[in-house]
Amino acid sequence: MASQFVIEATDANFEQEVLKSDLPVLVDYWATWCAPCKAIAPAVEKLAEELQGQVKVVKLEASQNMNTARAQKVSNLPTFVVYAGGQEVKRKIGAGGGLQGLKDLVSAAQ
């Protein structure tokens, strides 16, 4: 369900897309059955579009990519994690705050 601005990550490409990225990365850990995940999805898309070239926005369907979700200690959905230089910089659990909440989260890595 990724758009032209959002990259879909999996267990197979997580390291390449996220940990080895030259740009800071916001990862949206979500699931198809998660209502709050679906509710905030348009804000994730908008953020990806607005910050194109500055921040990479990646979605990882946690229930289909459990190895990565477990390795990144994700136990609640949605969880948003900002990575820079392959390291976790900041984490936010839940869909509260909308687009501005995501922008505030990402600003930690810029």
PDB file of N, CA and C in Angstrom:
ATOM      1  N   MET A   1       0.828  -1.202   0.000  1.00  0.00           N
ATOM      2  CA  MET A   1       0.000   0.000   0.000  1.00  0.00           C
ATOM      3  C   MET A   1       0.866   1.258   0.000  1.00  0.00           C
ATOM      4  N   ALA A   2       2.082   1.145  -0.435  1.00  0.00           N
ATOM      5  CA  ALA A   2       2.964   2.306  -0.466  1.00  0.00           C
ATOM      6  C   ALA A   2       2.616   3.196  -1.660  1.00  0.00           C
ATOM      7  N   SER A   3       2.962   4.455  -1.554  1.00  0.00           N
ATOM      8  CA  SER A   3       2.715   5.397  -2.646  1.00  0.00           C
ATOM      9  C   SER A   3       4.043   5.686  -3.341  1.00  0.00           C
ATOM     10  N   GLN A   4       4.027   6.662  -4.230  1.00  0.00           N
ATOM     11  CA  GLN A   4       5.275   7.022  -4.898  1.00  0.00           C
ATOM     12  C   GLN A   4       6.268   7.657  -3.926  1.00  0.00           C
ATOM     13  N   PHE A   5       5.792   8.121  -2.780  1.00  0.00           N
ATOM     14  CA  PHE A   5       6.671   8.785  -1.812  1.00  0.00           C
ATOM     15  C   PHE A   5       7.070   7.880  -0.647  1.00  0.00           C
ATOM     16  N   VAL A   6       6.329   6.786  -0.450  1.00  0.00           N
ATOM     17  CA  VAL A   6       6.555   5.899   0.688  1.00  0.00           C
ATOM     18  C   VAL A   6       7.105   4.567   0.190  1.00  0.00           C
ATOM     19  N   ILE A   7       8.151   4.088   0.845  1.00  0.00           N
ATOM     20  CA  ILE A   7       8.781   2.832   0.470  1.00  0.00           C
ATOM     21  C   ILE A   7       8.253   1.726   1.369  1.00  0.00           C
ATOM     22  N   GLU A   8       7.982   0.583   0.781  1.00  0.00           N
ATOM     23  CA  GLU A   8       7.515  -0.574   1.544  1.00  0.00           C
ATOM     24  C   GLU A   8       8.726  -1.396   1.961  1.00  0.00           C
ATOM     25  N   ALA A   9       8.889  -1.607   3.251  1.00  0.00           N
ATOM     26  CA  ALA A   9      10.008  -2.406   3.748  1.00  0.00           C
ATOM     27  C   ALA A   9       9.507  -3.790   4.156  1.00  0.00           C
ATOM     28  N   THR A  10      10.428  -4.745   4.113  1.00  0.00           N
ATOM     29  CA  THR A  10      10.142  -6.122   4.518  1.00  0.00           C
ATOM     30  C   THR A  10      11.331  -6.623   5.339  1.00  0.00           C
ATOM     31  N   ASP A  11      11.192  -7.825   5.869  1.00  0.00           N
ATOM     32  CA  ASP A  11      12.331  -8.428   6.562  1.00  0.00           C
ATOM     33  C   ASP A  11      13.540  -8.473   5.621  1.00  0.00           C
ATOM     34  N   ALA A  12      13.292  -8.720   4.347  1.00  0.00           N
ATOM     35  CA  ALA A  12      14.377  -8.906   3.373  1.00  0.00           C
ATOM     36  C   ALA A  12      15.134  -7.620   3.056  1.00  0.00           C
ATOM     37  N   ASN A  13      14.432  -6.481   3.019  1.00  0.00           N
ATOM     38  CA  ASN A  13      15.121  -5.249   2.595  1.00  0.00           C
ATOM     39  C   ASN A  13      15.251  -4.190   3.688  1.00  0.00           C
ATOM     40  N   PHE A  14      14.856  -4.509   4.918  1.00  0.00           N
ATOM     41  CA  PHE A  14      14.878  -3.519   6.006  1.00  0.00           C
ATOM     42  C   PHE A  14      16.275  -2.931   6.217  1.00  0.00           C
ATOM     43  N   GLU A  15      17.268  -3.782   6.273  1.00  0.00           N
ATOM     44  CA  GLU A  15      18.629  -3.286   6.521  1.00  0.00           C
ATOM     45  C   GLU A  15      19.060  -2.311   5.422  1.00  0.00           C
ATOM     46  N   GLN A  16      18.813  -2.675   4.168  1.00  0.00           N
ATOM     47  CA  GLN A  16      19.212  -1.823   3.046  1.00  0.00           C
ATOM     48  C   GLN A  16      18.430  -0.513   3.030  1.00  0.00           C
ATOM     49  N   GLU A  17      17.098  -0.600   3.174  1.00  0.00           N
ATOM     50  CA  GLU A  17      16.247   0.591   3.066  1.00  0.00           C
ATOM     51  C   GLU A  17      16.346   1.514   4.275  1.00  0.00           C
ATOM     52  N   VAL A  18      16.553   0.945   5.454  1.00  0.00           N
ATOM     53  CA  VAL A  18      16.496   1.742   6.685  1.00  0.00           C
ATOM     54  C   VAL A  18      17.879   1.943   7.310  1.00  0.00           C
ATOM     55  N   LEU A  19      18.508   0.853   7.689  1.00  0.00           N
ATOM     56  CA  LEU A  19      19.749   0.963   8.459  1.00  0.00           C
ATOM     57  C   LEU A  19      20.923   1.484   7.626  1.00  0.00           C
ATOM     58  N   LYS A  20      20.903   1.248   6.319  1.00  0.00           N
ATOM     59  CA  LYS A  20      21.999   1.710   5.462  1.00  0.00           C
ATOM     60  C   LYS A  20      21.636   2.960   4.666  1.00  0.00           C
ATOM     61  N   SER A  21      20.529   3.599   4.998  1.00  0.00           N
ATOM     62  CA  SER A  21      20.081   4.785   4.270  1.00  0.00           C
ATOM     63  C   SER A  21      20.985   5.984   4.552  1.00  0.00           C
ATOM     64  N   ASP A  22      21.244   6.767   3.521  1.00  0.00           N
ATOM     65  CA  ASP A  22      22.013   8.005   3.688  1.00  0.00           C
ATOM     66  C   ASP A  22      21.162   9.099   4.329  1.00  0.00           C
ATOM     67  N   LEU A  23      19.858   9.019   4.139  1.00  0.00           N
ATOM     68  CA  LEU A  23      18.934  10.002   4.717  1.00  0.00           C
ATOM     69  C   LEU A  23      18.400   9.483   6.046  1.00  0.00           C
ATOM     70  N   PRO A  24      17.939  10.390   6.926  1.00  0.00           N
ATOM     71  CA  PRO A  24      17.194   9.929   8.101  1.00  0.00           C
ATOM     72  C   PRO A  24      15.949   9.186   7.605  1.00  0.00           C
ATOM     73  N   VAL A  25      15.494   8.200   8.367  1.00  0.00           N
ATOM     74  CA  VAL A  25      14.356   7.385   7.951  1.00  0.00           C
ATOM     75  C   VAL A  25      13.299   7.371   9.049  1.00  0.00           C
ATOM     76  N   LEU A  26      12.043   7.587   8.646  1.00  0.00           N
ATOM     77  CA  LEU A  26      10.908   7.388   9.542  1.00  0.00           C
ATOM     78  C   LEU A  26      10.261   6.076   9.137  1.00  0.00           C
ATOM     79  N   VAL A  27      10.210   5.125  10.066  1.00  0.00           N
ATOM     80  CA  VAL A  27       9.559   3.853   9.781  1.00  0.00           C
ATOM     81  C   VAL A  27       8.210   3.819  10.499  1.00  0.00           C
ATOM     82  N   ASP A  28       7.179   3.539   9.725  1.00  0.00           N
ATOM     83  CA  ASP A  28       5.829   3.359  10.243  1.00  0.00           C
ATOM     84  C   ASP A  28       5.591   1.855  10.336  1.00  0.00           C
ATOM     85  N   TYR A  29       5.624   1.323  11.564  1.00  0.00           N
ATOM     86  CA  TYR A  29       5.302  -0.083  11.793  1.00  0.00           C
ATOM     87  C   TYR A  29       3.789  -0.158  11.945  1.00  0.00           C
ATOM     88  N   TRP A  30       3.131  -0.887  11.053  1.00  0.00           N
ATOM     89  CA  TRP A  30       1.671  -0.904  11.006  1.00  0.00           C
ATOM     90  C   TRP A  30       1.188  -2.317  10.684  1.00  0.00           C
ATOM     91  N   ALA A  31      -0.136  -2.488  10.674  1.00  0.00           N
ATOM     92  CA  ALA A  31      -0.741  -3.763  10.269  1.00  0.00           C
ATOM     93  C   ALA A  31      -2.067  -3.479   9.576  1.00  0.00           C
ATOM     94  N   THR A  32      -2.440  -4.358   8.671  1.00  0.00           N
ATOM     95  CA  THR A  32      -3.672  -4.166   7.900  1.00  0.00           C
ATOM     96  C   THR A  32      -4.910  -4.155   8.796  1.00  0.00           C
ATOM     97  N   TRP A  33      -4.858  -4.861   9.938  1.00  0.00           N
ATOM     98  CA  TRP A  33      -6.015  -4.954  10.837  1.00  0.00           C
ATOM     99  C   TRP A  33      -6.066  -3.836  11.877  1.00  0.00           C
ATOM    100  N   CYS A  34      -5.096  -2.929  11.851  1.00  0.00           N
ATOM    101  CA  CYS A  34      -4.963  -1.884  12.881  1.00  0.00           C
ATOM    102  C   CYS A  34      -5.682  -0.597  12.452  1.00  0.00           C
ATOM    103  N   ALA A  35      -6.810  -0.297  13.094  1.00  0.00           N
ATOM    104  CA  ALA A  35      -7.598   0.893  12.733  1.00  0.00           C
ATOM    105  C   ALA A  35      -6.815   2.200  12.916  1.00  0.00           C
ATOM    106  N   PRO A  36      -6.110   2.423  14.051  1.00  0.00           N
ATOM    107  CA  PRO A  36      -5.331   3.662  14.185  1.00  0.00           C
ATOM    108  C   PRO A  36      -4.245   3.785  13.110  1.00  0.00           C
ATOM    109  N   CYS A  37      -3.697   2.636  12.684  1.00  0.00           N
ATOM    110  CA  CYS A  37      -2.680   2.648  11.624  1.00  0.00           C
ATOM    111  C   CYS A  37      -3.277   3.200  10.343  1.00  0.00           C
ATOM    112  N   LYS A  38      -4.480   2.741  10.026  1.00  0.00           N
ATOM    113  CA  LYS A  38      -5.164   3.198   8.811  1.00  0.00           C
ATOM    114  C   LYS A  38      -5.547   4.676   8.942  1.00  0.00           C
ATOM    115  N   ALA A  39      -5.932   5.089  10.147  1.00  0.00           N
ATOM    116  CA  ALA A  39      -6.366   6.473  10.366  1.00  0.00           C
ATOM    117  C   ALA A  39      -5.226   7.463  10.131  1.00  0.00           C
ATOM    118  N   ILE A  40      -4.002   7.086  10.509  1.00  0.00           N
ATOM    119  CA  ILE A  40      -2.888   8.022  10.375  1.00  0.00           C
ATOM    120  C   ILE A  40      -2.163   7.876   9.028  1.00  0.00           C
ATOM    121  N   ALA A  41      -2.514   6.862   8.255  1.00  0.00           N
ATOM    122  CA  ALA A  41      -1.848   6.626   6.968  1.00  0.00           C
ATOM    123  C   ALA A  41      -1.817   7.858   6.053  1.00  0.00           C
ATOM    124  N   PRO A  42      -2.915   8.629   5.921  1.00  0.00           N
ATOM    125  CA  PRO A  42      -2.840   9.814   5.059  1.00  0.00           C
ATOM    126  C   PRO A  42      -1.813  10.846   5.542  1.00  0.00           C
ATOM    127  N   ALA A  43      -1.645  10.969   6.860  1.00  0.00           N
ATOM    128  CA  ALA A  43      -0.642  11.893   7.398  1.00  0.00           C
ATOM    129  C   ALA A  43       0.764  11.400   7.082  1.00  0.00           C
ATOM    130  N   VAL A  44       0.967  10.085   7.108  1.00  0.00           N
ATOM    131  CA  VAL A  44       2.271   9.504   6.763  1.00  0.00           C
ATOM    132  C   VAL A  44       2.586   9.809   5.303  1.00  0.00           C
ATOM    133  N   GLU A  45       1.587   9.638   4.426  1.00  0.00           N
ATOM    134  CA  GLU A  45       1.755   9.941   3.000  1.00  0.00           C
ATOM    135  C   GLU A  45       2.113  11.413   2.788  1.00  0.00           C
ATOM    136  N   LYS A  46       1.394  12.281   3.474  1.00  0.00           N
ATOM    137  CA  LYS A  46       1.604  13.731   3.329  1.00  0.00           C
ATOM    138  C   LYS A  46       3.017  14.099   3.788  1.00  0.00           C
ATOM    139  N   LEU A  47       3.443  13.550   4.909  1.00  0.00           N
ATOM    140  CA  LEU A  47       4.782  13.810   5.424  1.00  0.00           C
ATOM    141  C   LEU A  47       5.838  13.360   4.412  1.00  0.00           C
ATOM    142  N   ALA A  48       5.641  12.189   3.846  1.00  0.00           N
ATOM    143  CA  ALA A  48       6.590  11.666   2.863  1.00  0.00           C
ATOM    144  C   ALA A  48       6.700  12.595   1.665  1.00  0.00           C
ATOM    145  N   GLU A  49       5.566  13.121   1.247  1.00  0.00           N
ATOM    146  CA  GLU A  49       5.553  14.030   0.104  1.00  0.00           C
ATOM    147  C   GLU A  49       6.242  15.350   0.444  1.00  0.00           C
ATOM    148  N   GLU A  50       5.914  15.903   1.607  1.00  0.00           N
ATOM    149  CA  GLU A  50       6.469  17.203   2.021  1.00  0.00           C
ATOM    150  C   GLU A  50       7.974  17.137   2.263  1.00  0.00           C
ATOM    151  N   LEU A  51       8.462  16.030   2.794  1.00  0.00           N
ATOM    152  CA  LEU A  51       9.880  15.936   3.164  1.00  0.00           C
ATOM    153  C   LEU A  51      10.699  15.106   2.179  1.00  0.00           C
ATOM    154  N   GLN A  52      10.159  14.922   0.989  1.00  0.00           N
ATOM    155  CA  GLN A  52      10.839  14.149  -0.052  1.00  0.00           C
ATOM    156  C   GLN A  52      12.247  14.704  -0.259  1.00  0.00           C
ATOM    157  N   GLY A  53      13.236  13.820  -0.257  1.00  0.00           N
ATOM    158  CA  GLY A  53      14.619  14.244  -0.456  1.00  0.00           C
ATOM    159  C   GLY A  53      15.328  14.613   0.842  1.00  0.00           C
ATOM    160  N   GLN A  54      14.562  14.823   1.926  1.00  0.00           N
ATOM    161  CA  GLN A  54      15.146  15.166   3.224  1.00  0.00           C
ATOM    162  C   GLN A  54      15.070  13.998   4.197  1.00  0.00           C
ATOM    163  N   VAL A  55      13.932  13.297   4.147  1.00  0.00           N
ATOM    164  CA  VAL A  55      13.682  12.155   5.036  1.00  0.00           C
ATOM    165  C   VAL A  55      13.052  11.050   4.203  1.00  0.00           C
ATOM    166  N   LYS A  56      13.523   9.840   4.403  1.00  0.00           N
ATOM    167  CA  LYS A  56      12.937   8.682   3.729  1.00  0.00           C
ATOM    168  C   LYS A  56      11.807   8.167   4.622  1.00  0.00           C
ATOM    169  N   VAL A  57      10.638   7.926   4.049  1.00  0.00           N
ATOM    170  CA  VAL A  57       9.506   7.397   4.814  1.00  0.00           C
ATOM    171  C   VAL A  57       9.243   5.966   4.348  1.00  0.00           C
ATOM    172  N   VAL A  58       9.239   5.061   5.325  1.00  0.00           N
ATOM    173  CA  VAL A  58       9.136   3.638   5.051  1.00  0.00           C
ATOM    174  C   VAL A  58       8.008   3.052   5.891  1.00  0.00           C
ATOM    175  N   LYS A  59       7.207   2.191   5.274  1.00  0.00           N
ATOM    176  CA  LYS A  59       6.167   1.464   6.014  1.00  0.00           C
ATOM    177  C   LYS A  59       6.566   0.000   6.077  1.00  0.00           C
ATOM    178  N   LEU A  60       6.405  -0.592   7.264  1.00  0.00           N
ATOM    179  CA  LEU A  60       6.683  -2.017   7.422  1.00  0.00           C
ATOM    180  C   LEU A  60       5.461  -2.667   8.055  1.00  0.00           C
ATOM    181  N   GLU A  61       4.853  -3.588   7.325  1.00  0.00           N
ATOM    182  CA  GLU A  61       3.682  -4.304   7.819  1.00  0.00           C
ATOM    183  C   GLU A  61       4.177  -5.306   8.857  1.00  0.00           C
ATOM    184  N   ALA A  62       3.975  -4.987  10.124  1.00  0.00           N
ATOM    185  CA  ALA A  62       4.607  -5.729  11.225  1.00  0.00           C
ATOM    186  C   ALA A  62       4.142  -7.177  11.331  1.00  0.00           C
ATOM    187  N   SER A  63       2.883  -7.447  11.072  1.00  0.00           N
ATOM    188  CA  SER A  63       2.400  -8.822  11.235  1.00  0.00           C
ATOM    189  C   SER A  63       2.905  -9.739  10.112  1.00  0.00           C
ATOM    190  N   GLN A  64       3.346  -9.169   8.995  1.00  0.00           N
ATOM    191  CA  GLN A  64       3.910  -9.959   7.896  1.00  0.00           C
ATOM    192  C   GLN A  64       5.439  -9.985   7.926  1.00  0.00           C
ATOM    193  N   ASN A  65       6.033  -9.132   8.754  1.00  0.00           N
ATOM    194  CA  ASN A  65       7.494  -9.036   8.858  1.00  0.00           C
ATOM    195  C   ASN A  65       7.899  -9.047  10.324  1.00  0.00           C
ATOM    196  N   MET A  66       7.502 -10.124  11.004  1.00  0.00           N
ATOM    197  CA  MET A  66       7.661 -10.194  12.461  1.00  0.00           C
ATOM    198  C   MET A  66       9.110 -10.248  12.910  1.00  0.00           C
ATOM    199  N   ASN A  67       9.998 -10.790  12.098  1.00  0.00           N
ATOM    200  CA  ASN A  67      11.407 -10.846  12.504  1.00  0.00           C
ATOM    201  C   ASN A  67      11.956  -9.445  12.716  1.00  0.00           C
ATOM    202  N   THR A  68      11.671  -8.554  11.775  1.00  0.00           N
ATOM    203  CA  THR A  68      12.154  -7.170  11.897  1.00  0.00           C
ATOM    204  C   THR A  68      11.446  -6.459  13.039  1.00  0.00           C
ATOM    205  N   ALA A  69      10.124  -6.601  13.112  1.00  0.00           N
ATOM    206  CA  ALA A  69       9.369  -5.945  14.183  1.00  0.00           C
ATOM    207  C   ALA A  69       9.901  -6.383  15.551  1.00  0.00           C
ATOM    208  N   ARG A  70      10.152  -7.674  15.707  1.00  0.00           N
ATOM    209  CA  ARG A  70      10.680  -8.193  16.978  1.00  0.00           C
ATOM    210  C   ARG A  70      12.083  -7.650  17.239  1.00  0.00           C
ATOM    211  N   ALA A  71      12.930  -7.682  16.218  1.00  0.00           N
ATOM    212  CA  ALA A  71      14.314  -7.221  16.366  1.00  0.00           C
ATOM    213  C   ALA A  71      14.368  -5.740  16.743  1.00  0.00           C
ATOM    214  N   GLN A  72      13.381  -4.967  16.276  1.00  0.00           N
ATOM    215  CA  GLN A  72      13.337  -3.528  16.572  1.00  0.00           C
ATOM    216  C   GLN A  72      12.495  -3.226  17.814  1.00  0.00           C
ATOM    217  N   LYS A  73      12.099  -4.291  18.524  1.00  0.00           N
ATOM    218  CA  LYS A  73      11.350  -4.170  19.791  1.00  0.00           C
ATOM    219  C   LYS A  73      10.031  -3.398  19.621  1.00  0.00           C
ATOM    220  N   VAL A  74       9.335  -3.714  18.550  1.00  0.00           N
ATOM    221  CA  VAL A  74       8.028  -3.101  18.294  1.00  0.00           C
ATOM    222  C   VAL A  74       6.956  -4.045  18.806  1.00  0.00           C
ATOM    223  N   SER A  75       6.189  -3.593  19.802  1.00  0.00           N
ATOM    224  CA  SER A  75       5.144  -4.445  20.366  1.00  0.00           C
ATOM    225  C   SER A  75       3.763  -3.797  20.294  1.00  0.00           C
ATOM    226  N   ASN A  76       3.698  -2.523  19.936  1.00  0.00           N
ATOM    227  CA  ASN A  76       2.414  -1.837  19.795  1.00  0.00           C
ATOM    228  C   ASN A  76       2.351  -1.221  18.406  1.00  0.00           C
ATOM    229  N   LEU A  77       1.134  -1.119  17.871  1.00  0.00           N
ATOM    230  CA  LEU A  77       0.948  -0.521  16.554  1.00  0.00           C
ATOM    231  C   LEU A  77      -0.073   0.596  16.625  1.00  0.00           C
ATOM    232  N   PRO A  78       0.100   1.657  15.869  1.00  0.00           N
ATOM    233  CA  PRO A  78       1.319   1.912  15.093  1.00  0.00           C
ATOM    234  C   PRO A  78       2.464   2.363  15.992  1.00  0.00           C
ATOM    235  N   THR A  79       3.661   2.062  15.566  1.00  0.00           N
ATOM    236  CA  THR A  79       4.873   2.595  16.193  1.00  0.00           C
ATOM    237  C   THR A  79       5.661   3.292  15.098  1.00  0.00           C
ATOM    238  N   PHE A  80       6.123   4.488  15.407  1.00  0.00           N
ATOM    239  CA  PHE A  80       6.935   5.260  14.475  1.00  0.00           C
ATOM    240  C   PHE A  80       8.326   5.384  15.061  1.00  0.00           C
ATOM    241  N   VAL A  81       9.329   5.026  14.274  1.00  0.00           N
ATOM    242  CA  VAL A  81      10.709   5.101  14.742  1.00  0.00           C
ATOM    243  C   VAL A  81      11.523   5.873  13.712  1.00  0.00           C
ATOM    244  N   VAL A  82      12.309   6.829  14.210  1.00  0.00           N
ATOM    245  CA  VAL A  82      13.213   7.583  13.356  1.00  0.00           C
ATOM    246  C   VAL A  82      14.609   7.002  13.517  1.00  0.00           C
ATOM    247  N   TYR A  83      15.235   6.699  12.393  1.00  0.00           N
ATOM    248  CA  TYR A  83      16.601   6.178  12.372  1.00  0.00           C
ATOM    249  C   TYR A  83      17.487   7.176  11.639  1.00  0.00           C
ATOM    250  N   ALA A  84      18.700   7.340  12.124  1.00  0.00           N
ATOM    251  CA  ALA A  84      19.708   8.151  11.431  1.00  0.00           C
ATOM    252  C   ALA A  84      21.031   7.422  11.573  1.00  0.00           C
ATOM    253  N   GLY A  85      21.726   7.248  10.468  1.00  0.00           N
ATOM    254  CA  GLY A  85      22.999   6.538  10.510  1.00  0.00           C
ATOM    255  C   GLY A  85      22.870   5.118  11.024  1.00  0.00           C
ATOM    256  N   GLY A  86      21.726   4.487  10.766  1.00  0.00           N
ATOM    257  CA  GLY A  86      21.518   3.107  11.176  1.00  0.00           C
ATOM    258  C   GLY A  86      21.128   2.926  12.627  1.00  0.00           C
ATOM    259  N   GLN A  87      20.964   4.027  13.352  1.00  0.00           N
ATOM    260  CA  GLN A  87      20.626   3.958  14.786  1.00  0.00           C
ATOM    261  C   GLN A  87      19.254   4.571  15.050  1.00  0.00           C
ATOM    262  N   GLU A  88      18.545   4.011  16.016  1.00  0.00           N
ATOM    263  CA  GLU A  88      17.275   4.613  16.421  1.00  0.00           C
ATOM    264  C   GLU A  88      17.548   5.936  17.114  1.00  0.00           C
ATOM    265  N   VAL A  89      16.832   6.976  16.690  1.00  0.00           N
ATOM    266  CA  VAL A  89      16.995   8.310  17.265  1.00  0.00           C
ATOM    267  C   VAL A  89      15.817   8.648  18.178  1.00  0.00           C
ATOM    268  N   LYS A  90      14.617   8.317  17.733  1.00  0.00           N
ATOM    269  CA  LYS A  90      13.425   8.663  18.500  1.00  0.00           C
ATOM    270  C   LYS A  90      12.293   7.710  18.133  1.00  0.00           C
ATOM    271  N   ARG A  91      11.365   7.516  19.077  1.00  0.00           N
ATOM    272  CA  ARG A  91      10.267   6.565  18.892  1.00  0.00           C
ATOM    273  C   ARG A  91       8.977   7.167  19.431  1.00  0.00           C
ATOM    274  N   LYS A  92       7.881   6.880  18.740  1.00  0.00           N
ATOM    275  CA  LYS A  92       6.561   7.337  19.168  1.00  0.00           C
ATOM    276  C   LYS A  92       5.589   6.190  18.958  1.00  0.00           C
ATOM    277  N   ILE A  93       4.801   5.892  19.972  1.00  0.00           N
ATOM    278  CA  ILE A  93       3.812   4.821  19.871  1.00  0.00           C
ATOM    279  C   ILE A  93       2.428   5.446  19.803  1.00  0.00           C
ATOM    280  N   GLY A  94       1.625   4.972  18.857  1.00  0.00           N
ATOM    281  CA  GLY A  94       0.254   5.455  18.709  1.00  0.00           C
ATOM    282  C   GLY A  94       0.117   6.480  17.603  1.00  0.00           C
ATOM    283  N   ALA A  95      -1.145   6.719  17.221  1.00  0.00           N
ATOM    284  CA  ALA A  95      -1.438   7.585  16.084  1.00  0.00           C
ATOM    285  C   ALA A  95      -1.749   9.019  16.503  1.00  0.00           C
ATOM    286  N   GLY A  96      -1.669   9.326  17.788  1.00  0.00           N
ATOM    287  CA  GLY A  96      -1.985  10.675  18.252  1.00  0.00           C
ATOM    288  C   GLY A  96      -1.017  11.720  17.714  1.00  0.00           C
ATOM    289  N   GLY A  97      -1.522  12.912  17.518  1.00  0.00           N
ATOM    290  CA  GLY A  97      -0.664  14.005  17.070  1.00  0.00           C
ATOM    291  C   GLY A  97      -0.714  14.263  15.579  1.00  0.00           C
ATOM    292  N   GLY A  98      -1.201  13.290  14.818  1.00  0.00           N
ATOM    293  CA  GLY A  98      -1.369  13.478  13.387  1.00  0.00           C
ATOM    294  C   GLY A  98      -0.100  13.905  12.677  1.00  0.00           C
ATOM    295  N   LEU A  99      -0.273  14.684  11.624  1.00  0.00           N
ATOM    296  CA  LEU A  99       0.848  15.121  10.794  1.00  0.00           C
ATOM    297  C   LEU A  99       1.867  15.927  11.598  1.00  0.00           C
ATOM    298  N   GLN A 100       1.388  16.829  12.447  1.00  0.00           N
ATOM    299  CA  GLN A 100       2.324  17.652  13.222  1.00  0.00           C
ATOM    300  C   GLN A 100       3.138  16.799  14.190  1.00  0.00           C
ATOM    301  N   GLY A 101       2.510  15.795  14.780  1.00  0.00           N
ATOM    302  CA  GLY A 101       3.224  14.887  15.673  1.00  0.00           C
ATOM    303  C   GLY A 101       4.338  14.155  14.947  1.00  0.00           C
ATOM    304  N   LEU A 102       4.066  13.752  13.697  1.00  0.00           N
ATOM    305  CA  LEU A 102       5.088  13.076  12.892  1.00  0.00           C
ATOM    306  C   LEU A 102       6.216  14.030  12.530  1.00  0.00           C
ATOM    307  N   LYS A 103       5.851  15.278  12.190  1.00  0.00           N
ATOM    308  CA  LYS A 103       6.876  16.281  11.857  1.00  0.00           C
ATOM    309  C   LYS A 103       7.773  16.536  13.061  1.00  0.00           C
ATOM    310  N   ASP A 104       7.178  16.638  14.240  1.00  0.00           N
ATOM    311  CA  ASP A 104       7.962  16.856  15.463  1.00  0.00           C
ATOM    312  C   ASP A 104       8.908  15.685  15.709  1.00  0.00           C
ATOM    313  N   LEU A 105       8.411  14.486  15.470  1.00  0.00           N
ATOM    314  CA  LEU A 105       9.235  13.284  15.661  1.00  0.00           C
ATOM    315  C   LEU A 105      10.430  13.291  14.714  1.00  0.00           C
ATOM    316  N   VAL A 106      10.181  13.570  13.451  1.00  0.00           N
ATOM    317  CA  VAL A 106      11.216  13.568  12.432  1.00  0.00           C
ATOM    318  C   VAL A 106      12.253  14.667  12.666  1.00  0.00           C
ATOM    319  N   SER A 107      11.807  15.788  13.226  1.00  0.00           N
ATOM    320  CA  SER A 107      12.738  16.911  13.444  1.00  0.00           C
ATOM    321  C   SER A 107      13.892  16.525  14.365  1.00  0.00           C
ATOM    322  N   ALA A 108      13.730  15.458  15.138  1.00  0.00           N
ATOM    323  CA  ALA A 108      14.793  14.982  16.019  1.00  0.00           C
ATOM    324  C   ALA A 108      16.004  14.492  15.229  1.00  0.00           C
ATOM    325  N   ALA A 109      15.781  14.085  13.983  1.00  0.00           N
ATOM    326  CA  ALA A 109      16.867  13.511  13.186  1.00  0.00           C
ATOM    327  C   ALA A 109      17.413  14.473  12.125  1.00  0.00           C
ATOM    328  N   GLN A 110      16.814  15.648  12.007  1.00  0.00           N
ATOM    329  CA  GLN A 110      17.252  16.558  10.939  1.00  0.00           C
ATOM    330  C   GLN A 110      18.304  17.525  11.409  1.00  0.00           C
TER     331      GLN A 110
END
